[in-house]
C-alpha cells in the first residue's frame, strides 16, 4: 500500500536532450521531480525542452517522446495542467 506521504516523497527523474538537424548535441538536462507519476515526469520533460527551444528562438522544432499517453494529451488538445493539478492534489 502506498500512502499519500510515500507518493509525495517519491522522486522521479526527468531528462532530455536537444539535437540539431545534423544530430549534434545542443543541450541536455536532468531534473528531479518530487511527487507525481511517470506521465507527469514525461510532460515535464517535454515542457522543459520546448521552453528551452523557445527561449533560444529555435523554429521548426521536432519533439519526440516514447510516452504515447503524453503525446496523445498534447495532440488532442487536452489541458496537461489538469493532469498536473490532479496529481498534486493526490499528493497533498
Protein backbone atom coordinates (compact mmCIF):
# COMPACT_ATOMS: atom_id res chain seq x y z
CA UNK A 1 0.00 0.00 0.00
CA UNK A 2 1.29 3.45 -0.94
CA UNK A 3 0.21 6.27 1.31
CA UNK A 4 -0.01 9.88 0.15
CA UNK A 5 3.15 10.61 2.14
CA UNK A 6 5.06 7.88 0.30
CA UNK A 7 3.83 9.21 -3.03
CA UNK A 8 4.79 12.77 -2.17
CA UNK A 9 8.32 11.80 -1.15
CA UNK A 10 8.84 9.70 -4.27
CA UNK A 11 11.28 11.37 -6.66
CA UNK A 12 11.04 10.99 -10.40
CA UNK A 13 13.91 11.62 -12.78
CA UNK A 14 13.18 13.87 -15.73
CA UNK A 15 15.63 14.31 -18.55
CA UNK A 16 16.05 15.04 -22.20
CA UNK A 17 18.33 16.16 -24.98
CA UNK A 18 18.18 18.72 -27.77
CA UNK A 19 19.86 17.93 -31.11
CA UNK A 20 20.23 19.99 -34.25
CA UNK A 21 19.15 18.71 -37.67
CA UNK A 22 22.55 17.02 -38.10
CA UNK A 23 22.11 15.05 -34.89
CA UNK A 24 24.72 17.07 -32.98
CA UNK A 25 24.02 17.53 -29.28
CA UNK A 26 22.97 21.10 -28.45
CA UNK A 27 21.95 20.65 -24.81
CA UNK A 28 20.95 18.02 -22.30
CA UNK A 29 19.28 18.24 -18.93
CA UNK A 30 18.23 16.21 -15.96
CA UNK A 31 15.87 17.25 -13.21
CA UNK A 32 14.19 15.57 -10.26
CA UNK A 33 10.52 15.95 -9.57
CA UNK A 34 9.14 15.26 -6.12
CA UNK A 35 5.77 13.53 -6.17
CA UNK A 36 3.65 12.84 -9.18
CA UNK A 37 3.80 9.93 -11.58
CA UNK A 38 5.53 8.84 -14.77
CA UNK A 39 3.13 10.76 -17.01
CA UNK A 40 3.79 13.96 -15.11
CA UNK A 41 7.53 13.37 -15.50
CA UNK A 42 7.14 12.88 -19.27
CA UNK A 43 5.04 16.02 -19.62
CA UNK A 44 7.54 17.99 -17.54
CA UNK A 45 10.43 16.80 -19.74
CA UNK A 46 8.58 17.87 -22.89
CA UNK A 47 7.80 21.24 -21.33
CA UNK A 48 11.42 21.85 -20.29
CA UNK A 49 12.73 21.00 -23.78
CA UNK A 50 10.16 23.13 -25.59
CA UNK A 51 10.73 26.01 -23.17
CA UNK A 52 14.48 25.82 -23.84
CA UNK A 53 13.90 25.84 -27.62
CA UNK A 54 11.53 28.80 -27.41
CA UNK A 55 13.95 30.81 -25.28
CA UNK A 56 16.69 30.15 -27.87
CA UNK A 57 14.26 31.22 -30.65
CA UNK A 58 14.57 27.87 -32.43
CA UNK A 59 11.96 27.17 -35.05
CA UNK A 60 10.90 24.03 -36.93
CA UNK A 61 11.12 22.01 -33.73
CA UNK A 62 10.54 18.26 -33.80
CA UNK A 63 9.64 16.88 -30.40
CA UNK A 64 9.91 13.13 -29.82
CA UNK A 65 8.70 11.14 -26.83
CA UNK A 66 8.44 7.45 -26.03
CA UNK A 67 5.30 8.07 -23.97
CA UNK A 68 2.25 7.70 -26.21
CA UNK A 69 -0.10 8.95 -23.49
CA UNK A 70 1.71 12.29 -23.18
CA UNK A 71 1.83 12.72 -26.96
CA UNK A 72 -1.91 11.99 -27.22
CA UNK A 73 -2.67 14.52 -24.47
CA UNK A 74 -0.81 17.18 -26.41
CA UNK A 75 -2.13 16.27 -29.89
CA UNK A 76 -5.74 16.01 -28.73
CA UNK A 77 -5.56 19.47 -27.21
CA UNK A 78 -6.13 18.26 -23.65
CA UNK A 79 -5.01 20.61 -20.94
CA UNK A 80 -1.93 18.93 -19.46
CA UNK A 81 -2.31 21.14 -16.41
CA UNK A 82 -5.41 19.16 -15.46
CA UNK A 83 -3.24 16.06 -15.02
CA UNK A 84 -0.62 18.09 -13.18
CA UNK A 85 -3.08 19.55 -10.68
CA UNK A 86 -4.88 16.23 -10.16
CA UNK A 87 -1.53 14.58 -9.43
CA UNK A 88 -0.57 17.33 -6.99
CA UNK A 89 -3.95 17.02 -5.30
CA UNK A 90 -3.37 13.29 -4.77
CA UNK A 91 -0.03 14.08 -3.16
CA UNK A 92 -1.45 16.52 -0.62
